[in-house]
Amino acid sequence: MKTVGNVLWLIFIGWENALVMFFVGLLCCVTIILIPVGIQIFKYASLWLWPIGKRVDLSGGIFKTFVNILWLILFGWIVALYFLLAGVSLCCTLIGIPFGIQFFKFAKLSLMPLGAKIN
């Protein structure tokens, strides 16, 4: 069932968002300072392709926590709010519930992106 859900996700949602995340990662890697962020974004691009059945664990060190707090204040809460609203709207239909749950996963990930591990 996970494979069917992932294939549907890939066709309707995943490929577009993975492509956008890939280009954002490339833009981040242009500057020396944002290379760690760009590498993390490449991991998220792969998650956008095949998310069902994967888990996100938040962790990190002192530097990553500092950057995560800065991210959360500047941009993270907006991105998380978008994913949260998209997840709620998808959960309004019976067919959209599995996809809405994936958007909740991305909302969690967008709050503290650096140091997160995708299992």
PDB file of N, CA and C in Angstrom:
ATOM      1  N   MET A   1       0.819  -1.197   0.000  1.00  0.00           N
ATOM      2  CA  MET A   1       0.000   0.000   0.000  1.00  0.00           C
ATOM      3  C   MET A   1       0.860   1.258   0.000  1.00  0.00           C
ATOM      4  N   LYS A   2       2.047   1.180   0.687  1.00  0.00           N
ATOM      5  CA  LYS A   2       2.948   2.326   0.699  1.00  0.00           C
ATOM      6  C   LYS A   2       3.427   2.659  -0.713  1.00  0.00           C
ATOM      7  N   THR A   3       3.693   1.624  -1.491  1.00  0.00           N
ATOM      8  CA  THR A   3       4.195   1.849  -2.841  1.00  0.00           C
ATOM      9  C   THR A   3       3.150   2.544  -3.705  1.00  0.00           C
ATOM     10  N   VAL A   4       1.898   2.115  -3.596  1.00  0.00           N
ATOM     11  CA  VAL A   4       0.818   2.762  -4.363  1.00  0.00           C
ATOM     12  C   VAL A   4       0.679   4.220  -3.945  1.00  0.00           C
ATOM     13  N   GLY A   5       0.709   4.478  -2.636  1.00  0.00           N
ATOM     14  CA  GLY A   5       0.620   5.848  -2.146  1.00  0.00           C
ATOM     15  C   GLY A   5       1.786   6.695  -2.599  1.00  0.00           C
ATOM     16  N   ASN A   6       2.993   6.114  -2.575  1.00  0.00           N
ATOM     17  CA  ASN A   6       4.164   6.860  -3.026  1.00  0.00           C
ATOM     18  C   ASN A   6       4.133   7.152  -4.519  1.00  0.00           C
ATOM     19  N   VAL A   7       3.643   6.215  -5.303  1.00  0.00           N
ATOM     20  CA  VAL A   7       3.533   6.444  -6.751  1.00  0.00           C
ATOM     21  C   VAL A   7       2.524   7.558  -7.034  1.00  0.00           C
ATOM     22  N   LEU A   8       1.382   7.516  -6.360  1.00  0.00           N
ATOM     23  CA  LEU A   8       0.392   8.595  -6.527  1.00  0.00           C
ATOM     24  C   LEU A   8       0.966   9.936  -6.070  1.00  0.00           C
ATOM     25  N   TRP A   9       1.674   9.927  -4.943  1.00  0.00           N
ATOM     26  CA  TRP A   9       2.320  11.145  -4.447  1.00  0.00           C
ATOM     27  C   TRP A   9       3.308  11.680  -5.476  1.00  0.00           C
ATOM     28  N   LEU A  10       4.127  10.793  -6.034  1.00  0.00           N
ATOM     29  CA  LEU A  10       5.133  11.192  -7.017  1.00  0.00           C
ATOM     30  C   LEU A  10       4.489  11.815  -8.246  1.00  0.00           C
ATOM     31  N   ILE A  11       3.406  11.227  -8.716  1.00  0.00           N
ATOM     32  CA  ILE A  11       2.746  11.729  -9.919  1.00  0.00           C
ATOM     33  C   ILE A  11       2.082  13.077  -9.681  1.00  0.00           C
ATOM     34  N   PHE A  12       1.367  13.226  -8.568  1.00  0.00           N
ATOM     35  CA  PHE A  12       0.554  14.420  -8.376  1.00  0.00           C
ATOM     36  C   PHE A  12       1.251  15.544  -7.611  1.00  0.00           C
ATOM     37  N   ILE A  13       2.141  15.238  -6.693  1.00  0.00           N
ATOM     38  CA  ILE A  13       2.713  16.268  -5.832  1.00  0.00           C
ATOM     39  C   ILE A  13       4.237  16.250  -5.854  1.00  0.00           C
ATOM     40  N   GLY A  14       4.827  15.085  -5.780  1.00  0.00           N
ATOM     41  CA  GLY A  14       6.234  14.939  -5.470  1.00  0.00           C
ATOM     42  C   GLY A  14       7.219  15.473  -6.472  1.00  0.00           C
ATOM     43  N   TRP A  15       7.027  15.190  -7.741  1.00  0.00           N
ATOM     44  CA  TRP A  15       8.059  15.556  -8.708  1.00  0.00           C
ATOM     45  C   TRP A  15       8.223  17.058  -8.823  1.00  0.00           C
ATOM     46  N   GLU A  16       7.126  17.808  -8.746  1.00  0.00           N
ATOM     47  CA  GLU A  16       7.226  19.265  -8.860  1.00  0.00           C
ATOM     48  C   GLU A  16       7.973  19.856  -7.671  1.00  0.00           C
ATOM     49  N   ASN A  17       7.581  19.432  -6.476  1.00  0.00           N
ATOM     50  CA  ASN A  17       8.214  19.972  -5.278  1.00  0.00           C
ATOM     51  C   ASN A  17       9.657  19.519  -5.143  1.00  0.00           C
ATOM     52  N   ALA A  18       9.966  18.298  -5.546  1.00  0.00           N
ATOM     53  CA  ALA A  18      11.347  17.825  -5.504  1.00  0.00           C
ATOM     54  C   ALA A  18      12.215  18.629  -6.466  1.00  0.00           C
ATOM     55  N   LEU A  19      11.674  18.955  -7.621  1.00  0.00           N
ATOM     56  CA  LEU A  19      12.422  19.759  -8.586  1.00  0.00           C
ATOM     57  C   LEU A  19      12.683  21.165  -8.049  1.00  0.00           C
ATOM     58  N   VAL A  20      11.686  21.757  -7.428  1.00  0.00           N
ATOM     59  CA  VAL A  20      11.858  23.085  -6.822  1.00  0.00           C
ATOM     60  C   VAL A  20      12.899  23.022  -5.710  1.00  0.00           C
ATOM     61  N   MET A  21      12.803  22.014  -4.852  1.00  0.00           N
ATOM     62  CA  MET A  21      13.769  21.879  -3.755  1.00  0.00           C
ATOM     63  C   MET A  21      15.177  21.657  -4.287  1.00  0.00           C
ATOM     64  N   PHE A  22      15.322  20.923  -5.378  1.00  0.00           N
ATOM     65  CA  PHE A  22      16.636  20.700  -5.971  1.00  0.00           C
ATOM     66  C   PHE A  22      17.247  22.027  -6.428  1.00  0.00           C
ATOM     67  N   PHE A  23      16.454  22.869  -7.090  1.00  0.00           N
ATOM     68  CA  PHE A  23      16.975  24.159  -7.547  1.00  0.00           C
ATOM     69  C   PHE A  23      17.256  25.111  -6.388  1.00  0.00           C
ATOM     70  N   VAL A  24      16.453  25.051  -5.341  1.00  0.00           N
ATOM     71  CA  VAL A  24      16.725  25.862  -4.145  1.00  0.00           C
ATOM     72  C   VAL A  24      18.029  25.397  -3.499  1.00  0.00           C
ATOM     73  N   GLY A  25      18.258  24.100  -3.460  1.00  0.00           N
ATOM     74  CA  GLY A  25      19.513  23.574  -2.935  1.00  0.00           C
ATOM     75  C   GLY A  25      20.707  24.031  -3.747  1.00  0.00           C
ATOM     76  N   LEU A  26      20.547  24.060  -5.073  1.00  0.00           N
ATOM     77  CA  LEU A  26      21.626  24.566  -5.925  1.00  0.00           C
ATOM     78  C   LEU A  26      21.907  26.045  -5.654  1.00  0.00           C
ATOM     79  N   LEU A  27      20.847  26.829  -5.486  1.00  0.00           N
ATOM     80  CA  LEU A  27      21.031  28.249  -5.177  1.00  0.00           C
ATOM     81  C   LEU A  27      21.729  28.444  -3.836  1.00  0.00           C
ATOM     82  N   CYS A  28      21.386  27.632  -2.859  1.00  0.00           N
ATOM     83  CA  CYS A  28      22.047  27.737  -1.553  1.00  0.00           C
ATOM     84  C   CYS A  28      23.519  27.350  -1.642  1.00  0.00           C
ATOM     85  N   CYS A  29      23.846  26.389  -2.496  1.00  0.00           N
ATOM     86  CA  CYS A  29      25.236  25.942  -2.623  1.00  0.00           C
ATOM     87  C   CYS A  29      26.108  26.930  -3.388  1.00  0.00           C
ATOM     88  N   VAL A  30      25.519  27.940  -4.001  1.00  0.00           N
ATOM     89  CA  VAL A  30      26.305  28.955  -4.695  1.00  0.00           C
ATOM     90  C   VAL A  30      27.122  29.764  -3.685  1.00  0.00           C
ATOM     91  N   THR A  31      26.547  30.049  -2.530  1.00  0.00           N
ATOM     92  CA  THR A  31      27.264  30.791  -1.505  1.00  0.00           C
ATOM     93  C   THR A  31      27.948  29.818  -0.554  1.00  0.00           C
ATOM     94  N   ILE A  32      29.079  30.200  -0.037  1.00  0.00           N
ATOM     95  CA  ILE A  32      29.840  29.329   0.854  1.00  0.00           C
ATOM     96  C   ILE A  32      29.110  29.137   2.179  1.00  0.00           C
ATOM     97  N   ILE A  33      28.475  30.178   2.665  1.00  0.00           N
ATOM     98  CA  ILE A  33      27.832  30.124   3.974  1.00  0.00           C
ATOM     99  C   ILE A  33      26.653  29.153   3.987  1.00  0.00           C
ATOM    100  N   LEU A  34      25.914  29.078   2.889  1.00  0.00           N
ATOM    101  CA  LEU A  34      24.687  28.273   2.862  1.00  0.00           C
ATOM    102  C   LEU A  34      24.876  26.861   2.302  1.00  0.00           C
ATOM    103  N   ILE A  35      26.111  26.419   2.136  1.00  0.00           N
ATOM    104  CA  ILE A  35      26.334  25.063   1.621  1.00  0.00           C
ATOM    105  C   ILE A  35      25.734  23.996   2.541  1.00  0.00           C
ATOM    106  N   PRO A  36      25.881  24.081   3.883  1.00  0.00           N
ATOM    107  CA  PRO A  36      25.220  23.060   4.728  1.00  0.00           C
ATOM    108  C   PRO A  36      23.697  23.051   4.565  1.00  0.00           C
ATOM    109  N   VAL A  37      23.111  24.218   4.386  1.00  0.00           N
ATOM    110  CA  VAL A  37      21.668  24.308   4.171  1.00  0.00           C
ATOM    111  C   VAL A  37      21.305  23.676   2.828  1.00  0.00           C
ATOM    112  N   GLY A  38      22.109  23.942   1.799  1.00  0.00           N
ATOM    113  CA  GLY A  38      21.857  23.359   0.482  1.00  0.00           C
ATOM    114  C   GLY A  38      21.927  21.843   0.497  1.00  0.00           C
ATOM    115  N   ILE A  39      22.887  21.289   1.223  1.00  0.00           N
ATOM    116  CA  ILE A  39      23.004  19.838   1.328  1.00  0.00           C
ATOM    117  C   ILE A  39      21.780  19.255   2.023  1.00  0.00           C
ATOM    118  N   GLN A  40      21.307  19.927   3.067  1.00  0.00           N
ATOM    119  CA  GLN A  40      20.102  19.464   3.763  1.00  0.00           C
ATOM    120  C   GLN A  40      18.883  19.536   2.853  1.00  0.00           C
ATOM    121  N   ILE A  41      18.806  20.574   2.034  1.00  0.00           N
ATOM    122  CA  ILE A  41      17.673  20.721   1.112  1.00  0.00           C
ATOM    123  C   ILE A  41      17.674  19.612   0.071  1.00  0.00           C
ATOM    124  N   PHE A  42      18.850  19.153  -0.354  1.00  0.00           N
ATOM    125  CA  PHE A  42      18.901  18.019  -1.276  1.00  0.00           C
ATOM    126  C   PHE A  42      18.296  16.770  -0.632  1.00  0.00           C
ATOM    127  N   LYS A  43      18.516  16.579   0.675  1.00  0.00           N
ATOM    128  CA  LYS A  43      17.906  15.445   1.382  1.00  0.00           C
ATOM    129  C   LYS A  43      16.387  15.576   1.371  1.00  0.00           C
ATOM    130  N   TYR A  44      15.894  16.804   1.549  1.00  0.00           N
ATOM    131  CA  TYR A  44      14.451  17.019   1.544  1.00  0.00           C
ATOM    132  C   TYR A  44      13.862  16.796   0.164  1.00  0.00           C
ATOM    133  N   ALA A  45      14.631  17.105  -0.874  1.00  0.00           N
ATOM    134  CA  ALA A  45      14.151  16.858  -2.232  1.00  0.00           C
ATOM    135  C   ALA A  45      13.917  15.365  -2.440  1.00  0.00           C
ATOM    136  N   SER A  46      14.798  14.538  -1.906  1.00  0.00           N
ATOM    137  CA  SER A  46      14.586  13.092  -2.033  1.00  0.00           C
ATOM    138  C   SER A  46      13.386  12.633  -1.207  1.00  0.00           C
ATOM    139  N   LEU A  47      13.145  13.307  -0.073  1.00  0.00           N
ATOM    140  CA  LEU A  47      11.960  12.975   0.725  1.00  0.00           C
ATOM    141  C   LEU A  47      10.682  13.349  -0.004  1.00  0.00           C
ATOM    142  N   TRP A  48      10.715  14.455  -0.756  1.00  0.00           N
ATOM    143  CA  TRP A  48       9.528  14.862  -1.517  1.00  0.00           C
ATOM    144  C   TRP A  48       9.164  13.838  -2.583  1.00  0.00           C
ATOM    145  N   LEU A  49      10.146  13.092  -3.069  1.00  0.00           N
ATOM    146  CA  LEU A  49       9.849  12.103  -4.103  1.00  0.00           C
ATOM    147  C   LEU A  49       9.139  10.871  -3.545  1.00  0.00           C
ATOM    148  N   TRP A  50       9.504  10.409  -2.360  1.00  0.00           N
ATOM    149  CA  TRP A  50       9.014   9.134  -1.836  1.00  0.00           C
ATOM    150  C   TRP A  50       8.819   9.228  -0.318  1.00  0.00           C
ATOM    151  N   PRO A  51       7.828   9.990   0.202  1.00  0.00           N
ATOM    152  CA  PRO A  51       7.747  10.261   1.639  1.00  0.00           C
ATOM    153  C   PRO A  51       6.997   9.241   2.484  1.00  0.00           C
ATOM    154  N   ILE A  52       6.076   8.505   1.892  1.00  0.00           N
ATOM    155  CA  ILE A  52       5.212   7.638   2.691  1.00  0.00           C
ATOM    156  C   ILE A  52       6.029   6.461   3.214  1.00  0.00           C
ATOM    157  N   GLY A  53       5.966   6.264   4.525  1.00  0.00           N
ATOM    158  CA  GLY A  53       6.724   5.203   5.157  1.00  0.00           C
ATOM    159  C   GLY A  53       8.040   5.666   5.744  1.00  0.00           C
ATOM    160  N   LYS A  54       8.405   6.920   5.546  1.00  0.00           N
ATOM    161  CA  LYS A  54       9.638   7.459   6.118  1.00  0.00           C
ATOM    162  C   LYS A  54       9.304   8.293   7.341  1.00  0.00           C
ATOM    163  N   ARG A  55      10.264   8.389   8.250  1.00  0.00           N
ATOM    164  CA  ARG A  55      10.092   9.109   9.496  1.00  0.00           C
ATOM    165  C   ARG A  55      11.130  10.214   9.595  1.00  0.00           C
ATOM    166  N   VAL A  56      10.770  11.321  10.238  1.00  0.00           N
ATOM    167  CA  VAL A  56      11.671  12.448  10.430  1.00  0.00           C
ATOM    168  C   VAL A  56      11.982  12.562  11.914  1.00  0.00           C
ATOM    169  N   ASP A  57      13.276  12.520  12.257  1.00  0.00           N
ATOM    170  CA  ASP A  57      13.719  12.687  13.630  1.00  0.00           C
ATOM    171  C   ASP A  57      14.499  13.984  13.732  1.00  0.00           C
ATOM    172  N   LEU A  58      14.109  14.848  14.663  1.00  0.00           N
ATOM    173  CA  LEU A  58      14.788  16.126  14.847  1.00  0.00           C
ATOM    174  C   LEU A  58      15.927  15.952  15.839  1.00  0.00           C
ATOM    175  N   SER A  59      17.115  16.435  15.471  1.00  0.00           N
ATOM    176  CA  SER A  59      18.277  16.405  16.348  1.00  0.00           C
ATOM    177  C   SER A  59      19.244  17.483  15.869  1.00  0.00           C
ATOM    178  N   GLY A  60      20.347  17.649  16.548  1.00  0.00           N
ATOM    179  CA  GLY A  60      21.326  18.635  16.110  1.00  0.00           C
ATOM    180  C   GLY A  60      22.211  19.078  17.249  1.00  0.00           C
ATOM    181  N   GLY A  61      23.289  19.787  16.887  1.00  0.00           N
ATOM    182  CA  GLY A  61      24.225  20.311  17.868  1.00  0.00           C
ATOM    183  C   GLY A  61      23.923  21.768  18.188  1.00  0.00           C
ATOM    184  N   ILE A  62      24.884  22.426  18.824  1.00  0.00           N
ATOM    185  CA  ILE A  62      24.696  23.817  19.250  1.00  0.00           C
ATOM    186  C   ILE A  62      24.578  24.736  18.045  1.00  0.00           C
ATOM    187  N   PHE A  63      25.471  24.585  17.061  1.00  0.00           N
ATOM    188  CA  PHE A  63      25.428  25.444  15.878  1.00  0.00           C
ATOM    189  C   PHE A  63      24.132  25.231  15.100  1.00  0.00           C
ATOM    190  N   LYS A  64      23.759  23.977  14.930  1.00  0.00           N
ATOM    191  CA  LYS A  64      22.533  23.683  14.184  1.00  0.00           C
ATOM    192  C   LYS A  64      21.311  24.209  14.912  1.00  0.00           C
ATOM    193  N   THR A  65      21.321  24.137  16.231  1.00  0.00           N
ATOM    194  CA  THR A  65      20.204  24.667  17.004  1.00  0.00           C
ATOM    195  C   THR A  65      20.113  26.177  16.844  1.00  0.00           C
ATOM    196  N   PHE A  66      21.253  26.863  16.865  1.00  0.00           N
ATOM    197  CA  PHE A  66      21.259  28.313  16.667  1.00  0.00           C
ATOM    198  C   PHE A  66      20.704  28.685  15.289  1.00  0.00           C
ATOM    199  N   VAL A  67      21.161  27.991  14.253  1.00  0.00           N
ATOM    200  CA  VAL A  67      20.683  28.271  12.899  1.00  0.00           C
ATOM    201  C   VAL A  67      19.198  27.917  12.779  1.00  0.00           C
ATOM    202  N   ASN A  68      18.770  26.830  13.417  1.00  0.00           N
ATOM    203  CA  ASN A  68      17.356  26.444  13.395  1.00  0.00           C
ATOM    204  C   ASN A  68      16.478  27.500  14.058  1.00  0.00           C
ATOM    205  N   ILE A  69      16.933  28.066  15.184  1.00  0.00           N
ATOM    206  CA  ILE A  69      16.156  29.108  15.854  1.00  0.00           C
ATOM    207  C   ILE A  69      16.071  30.346  14.976  1.00  0.00           C
ATOM    208  N   LEU A  70      17.177  30.706  14.336  1.00  0.00           N
ATOM    209  CA  LEU A  70      17.160  31.836  13.407  1.00  0.00           C
ATOM    210  C   LEU A  70      16.216  31.573  12.240  1.00  0.00           C
ATOM    211  N   TRP A  71      16.265  30.363  11.703  1.00  0.00           N
ATOM    212  CA  TRP A  71      15.368  29.967  10.617  1.00  0.00           C
ATOM    213  C   TRP A  71      13.908  30.028  11.062  1.00  0.00           C
ATOM    214  N   LEU A  72      13.642  29.524  12.275  1.00  0.00           N
ATOM    215  CA  LEU A  72      12.283  29.492  12.793  1.00  0.00           C
ATOM    216  C   LEU A  72      11.708  30.898  12.934  1.00  0.00           C
ATOM    217  N   ILE A  73      12.500  31.827  13.420  1.00  0.00           N
ATOM    218  CA  ILE A  73      12.036  33.202  13.605  1.00  0.00           C
ATOM    219  C   ILE A  73      11.794  33.890  12.268  1.00  0.00           C
ATOM    220  N   LEU A  74      12.703  33.685  11.315  1.00  0.00           N
ATOM    221  CA  LEU A  74      12.603  34.413  10.046  1.00  0.00           C
ATOM    222  C   LEU A  74      11.622  33.787   9.056  1.00  0.00           C
ATOM    223  N   PHE A  75      11.748  32.481   8.810  1.00  0.00           N
ATOM    224  CA  PHE A  75      10.978  31.858   7.737  1.00  0.00           C
ATOM    225  C   PHE A  75      10.216  30.598   8.139  1.00  0.00           C
ATOM    226  N   GLY A  76      10.733  29.864   9.096  1.00  0.00           N
ATOM    227  CA  GLY A  76      10.210  28.539   9.409  1.00  0.00           C
ATOM    228  C   GLY A  76       8.753  28.515   9.798  1.00  0.00           C
ATOM    229  N   TRP A  77       8.320  29.493  10.573  1.00  0.00           N
ATOM    230  CA  TRP A  77       6.928  29.480  11.019  1.00  0.00           C
ATOM    231  C   TRP A  77       5.982  29.696   9.848  1.00  0.00           C
ATOM    232  N   ILE A  78       6.394  30.473   8.840  1.00  0.00           N
ATOM    233  CA  ILE A  78       5.541  30.703   7.663  1.00  0.00           C
ATOM    234  C   ILE A  78       5.422  29.419   6.846  1.00  0.00           C
ATOM    235  N   VAL A  79       6.553  28.751   6.626  1.00  0.00           N
ATOM    236  CA  VAL A  79       6.552  27.514   5.849  1.00  0.00           C
ATOM    237  C   VAL A  79       5.767  26.432   6.589  1.00  0.00           C
ATOM    238  N   ALA A  80       5.962  26.334   7.894  1.00  0.00           N
ATOM    239  CA  ALA A  80       5.231  25.332   8.682  1.00  0.00           C
ATOM    240  C   ALA A  80       3.733  25.609   8.666  1.00  0.00           C
ATOM    241  N   LEU A  81       3.362  26.876   8.739  1.00  0.00           N
ATOM    242  CA  LEU A  81       1.938  27.231   8.676  1.00  0.00           C
ATOM    243  C   LEU A  81       1.333  26.842   7.330  1.00  0.00           C
ATOM    244  N   TYR A  82       2.077  27.060   6.239  1.00  0.00           N
ATOM    245  CA  TYR A  82       1.601  26.656   4.912  1.00  0.00           C
ATOM    246  C   TYR A  82       1.369  25.148   4.861  1.00  0.00           C
ATOM    247  N   PHE A  83       2.358  24.367   5.316  1.00  0.00           N
ATOM    248  CA  PHE A  83       2.220  22.912   5.283  1.00  0.00           C
ATOM    249  C   PHE A  83       1.100  22.441   6.200  1.00  0.00           C
ATOM    250  N   LEU A  84       0.942  23.093   7.341  1.00  0.00           N
ATOM    251  CA  LEU A  84      -0.132  22.731   8.257  1.00  0.00           C
ATOM    252  C   LEU A  84      -1.502  22.980   7.631  1.00  0.00           C
ATOM    253  N   LEU A  85      -1.689  24.127   7.006  1.00  0.00           N
ATOM    254  CA  LEU A  85      -2.971  24.433   6.351  1.00  0.00           C
ATOM    255  C   LEU A  85      -3.230  23.509   5.167  1.00  0.00           C
ATOM    256  N   ALA A  86      -2.180  23.207   4.407  1.00  0.00           N
ATOM    257  CA  ALA A  86      -2.341  22.277   3.281  1.00  0.00           C
ATOM    258  C   ALA A  86      -2.712  20.891   3.791  1.00  0.00           C
ATOM    259  N   GLY A  87      -2.093  20.448   4.888  1.00  0.00           N
ATOM    260  CA  GLY A  87      -2.417  19.147   5.465  1.00  0.00           C
ATOM    261  C   GLY A  87      -3.842  19.078   5.976  1.00  0.00           C
ATOM    262  N   VAL A  88      -4.287  20.145   6.627  1.00  0.00           N
ATOM    263  CA  VAL A  88      -5.663  20.180   7.127  1.00  0.00           C
ATOM    264  C   VAL A  88      -6.650  20.146   5.964  1.00  0.00           C
ATOM    265  N   SER A  89      -6.371  20.907   4.912  1.00  0.00           N
ATOM    266  CA  SER A  89      -7.294  20.919   3.770  1.00  0.00           C
ATOM    267  C   SER A  89      -7.330  19.565   3.060  1.00  0.00           C
ATOM    268  N   LEU A  90      -6.193  18.872   3.001  1.00  0.00           N
ATOM    269  CA  LEU A  90      -6.193  17.544   2.391  1.00  0.00           C
ATOM    270  C   LEU A  90      -6.915  16.525   3.264  1.00  0.00           C
ATOM    271  N   CYS A  91      -6.854  16.693   4.571  1.00  0.00           N
ATOM    272  CA  CYS A  91      -7.526  15.750   5.482  1.00  0.00           C
ATOM    273  C   CYS A  91      -9.039  15.932   5.502  1.00  0.00           C
ATOM    274  N   CYS A  92      -9.556  16.935   4.835  1.00  0.00           N
ATOM    275  CA  CYS A  92     -11.006  17.126   4.767  1.00  0.00           C
ATOM    276  C   CYS A  92     -11.678  16.079   3.895  1.00  0.00           C
ATOM    277  N   THR A  93     -10.913  15.420   3.043  1.00  0.00           N
ATOM    278  CA  THR A  93     -11.473  14.349   2.228  1.00  0.00           C
ATOM    279  C   THR A  93     -10.873  13.021   2.667  1.00  0.00           C
ATOM    280  N   LEU A  94     -11.598  11.964   2.484  1.00  0.00           N
ATOM    281  CA  LEU A  94     -11.132  10.649   2.899  1.00  0.00           C
ATOM    282  C   LEU A  94      -9.910  10.212   2.090  1.00  0.00           C
ATOM    283  N   ILE A  95      -9.916  10.502   0.811  1.00  0.00           N
ATOM    284  CA  ILE A  95      -8.799  10.104  -0.048  1.00  0.00           C
ATOM    285  C   ILE A  95      -7.544  10.914   0.269  1.00  0.00           C
ATOM    286  N   GLY A  96      -7.701  12.167   0.708  1.00  0.00           N
ATOM    287  CA  GLY A  96      -6.561  13.036   0.951  1.00  0.00           C
ATOM    288  C   GLY A  96      -5.885  12.863   2.291  1.00  0.00           C
ATOM    289  N   ILE A  97      -6.448  12.041   3.187  1.00  0.00           N
ATOM    290  CA  ILE A  97      -5.879  11.897   4.530  1.00  0.00           C
ATOM    291  C   ILE A  97      -4.426  11.409   4.516  1.00  0.00           C
ATOM    292  N   PRO A  98      -4.050  10.374   3.755  1.00  0.00           N
ATOM    293  CA  PRO A  98      -2.639   9.970   3.755  1.00  0.00           C
ATOM    294  C   PRO A  98      -1.707  11.069   3.248  1.00  0.00           C
ATOM    295  N   PHE A  99      -2.169  11.852   2.291  1.00  0.00           N
ATOM    296  CA  PHE A  99      -1.343  12.938   1.773  1.00  0.00           C
ATOM    297  C   PHE A  99      -1.281  14.096   2.763  1.00  0.00           C
ATOM    298  N   GLY A 100      -2.362  14.347   3.479  1.00  0.00           N
ATOM    299  CA  GLY A 100      -2.365  15.371   4.510  1.00  0.00           C
ATOM    300  C   GLY A 100      -1.392  15.043   5.624  1.00  0.00           C
ATOM    301  N   ILE A 101      -1.308  13.770   5.983  1.00  0.00           N
ATOM    302  CA  ILE A 101      -0.366  13.338   7.015  1.00  0.00           C
ATOM    303  C   ILE A 101       1.068  13.609   6.569  1.00  0.00           C
ATOM    304  N   GLN A 102       1.342  13.441   5.284  1.00  0.00           N
ATOM    305  CA  GLN A 102       2.687  13.734   4.786  1.00  0.00           C
ATOM    306  C   GLN A 102       2.992  15.230   4.889  1.00  0.00           C
ATOM    307  N   PHE A 103       1.987  16.058   4.654  1.00  0.00           N
ATOM    308  CA  PHE A 103       2.206  17.498   4.795  1.00  0.00           C
ATOM    309  C   PHE A 103       2.464  17.872   6.247  1.00  0.00           C
ATOM    310  N   PHE A 104       1.871  17.159   7.199  1.00  0.00           N
ATOM    311  CA  PHE A 104       2.178  17.398   8.611  1.00  0.00           C
ATOM    312  C   PHE A 104       3.639  17.038   8.903  1.00  0.00           C
ATOM    313  N   LYS A 105       4.136  15.984   8.248  1.00  0.00           N
ATOM    314  CA  LYS A 105       5.533  15.599   8.394  1.00  0.00           C
ATOM    315  C   LYS A 105       6.444  16.721   7.881  1.00  0.00           C
ATOM    316  N   PHE A 106       6.071  17.322   6.750  1.00  0.00           N
ATOM    317  CA  PHE A 106       6.877  18.413   6.207  1.00  0.00           C
ATOM    318  C   PHE A 106       6.764  19.673   7.063  1.00  0.00           C
ATOM    319  N   ALA A 107       5.636  19.870   7.733  1.00  0.00           N
ATOM    320  CA  ALA A 107       5.502  21.007   8.657  1.00  0.00           C
ATOM    321  C   ALA A 107       6.460  20.839   9.826  1.00  0.00           C
ATOM    322  N   LYS A 108       6.552  19.636  10.356  1.00  0.00           N
ATOM    323  CA  LYS A 108       7.491  19.358  11.445  1.00  0.00           C
ATOM    324  C   LYS A 108       8.920  19.587  10.981  1.00  0.00           C
ATOM    325  N   LEU A 109       9.214  19.142   9.788  1.00  0.00           N
ATOM    326  CA  LEU A 109      10.552  19.279   9.233  1.00  0.00           C
ATOM    327  C   LEU A 109      10.914  20.731   8.951  1.00  0.00           C
ATOM    328  N   SER A 110       9.934  21.526   8.560  1.00  0.00           N
ATOM    329  CA  SER A 110      10.226  22.919   8.219  1.00  0.00           C
ATOM    330  C   SER A 110      10.464  23.786   9.454  1.00  0.00           C
ATOM    331  N   LEU A 111      10.078  23.308  10.632  1.00  0.00           N
ATOM    332  CA  LEU A 111      10.342  24.079  11.847  1.00  0.00           C
ATOM    333  C   LEU A 111      11.819  24.040  12.231  1.00  0.00           C
ATOM    334  N   MET A 112      12.430  22.890  12.180  1.00  0.00           N
ATOM    335  CA  MET A 112      13.835  22.722  12.551  1.00  0.00           C
ATOM    336  C   MET A 112      14.546  21.884  11.489  1.00  0.00           C
ATOM    337  N   PRO A 113      14.903  22.481  10.345  1.00  0.00           N
ATOM    338  CA  PRO A 113      15.403  21.675   9.226  1.00  0.00           C
ATOM    339  C   PRO A 113      16.833  21.144   9.379  1.00  0.00           C
ATOM    340  N   LEU A 114      17.718  21.912   9.984  1.00  0.00           N
ATOM    341  CA  LEU A 114      19.100  21.469  10.069  1.00  0.00           C
ATOM    342  C   LEU A 114      19.258  20.401  11.152  1.00  0.00           C
ATOM    343  N   GLY A 115      19.946  19.327  10.824  1.00  0.00           N
ATOM    344  CA  GLY A 115      20.176  18.249  11.776  1.00  0.00           C
ATOM    345  C   GLY A 115      19.092  17.199  11.793  1.00  0.00           C
ATOM    346  N   ALA A 116      18.024  17.399  11.049  1.00  0.00           N
ATOM    347  CA  ALA A 116      16.948  16.403  11.007  1.00  0.00           C
ATOM    348  C   ALA A 116      17.421  15.179  10.230  1.00  0.00           C
ATOM    349  N   LYS A 117      17.045  14.029  10.724  1.00  0.00           N
ATOM    350  CA  LYS A 117      17.386  12.785  10.049  1.00  0.00           C
ATOM    351  C   LYS A 117      16.123  12.159   9.487  1.00  0.00           C
ATOM    352  N   ILE A 118      16.242  11.667   8.257  1.00  0.00           N
ATOM    353  CA  ILE A 118      15.115  11.057   7.566  1.00  0.00           C
ATOM    354  C   ILE A 118      15.350   9.559   7.550  1.00  0.00           C
ATOM    355  N   ASN A 119      14.479   8.816   8.214  1.00  0.00           N
ATOM    356  CA  ASN A 119      14.618   7.345   8.303  1.00  0.00           C
ATOM    357  C   ASN A 119      13.535   6.673   7.508  1.00  0.00           C
TER     358      ASN A 119
END
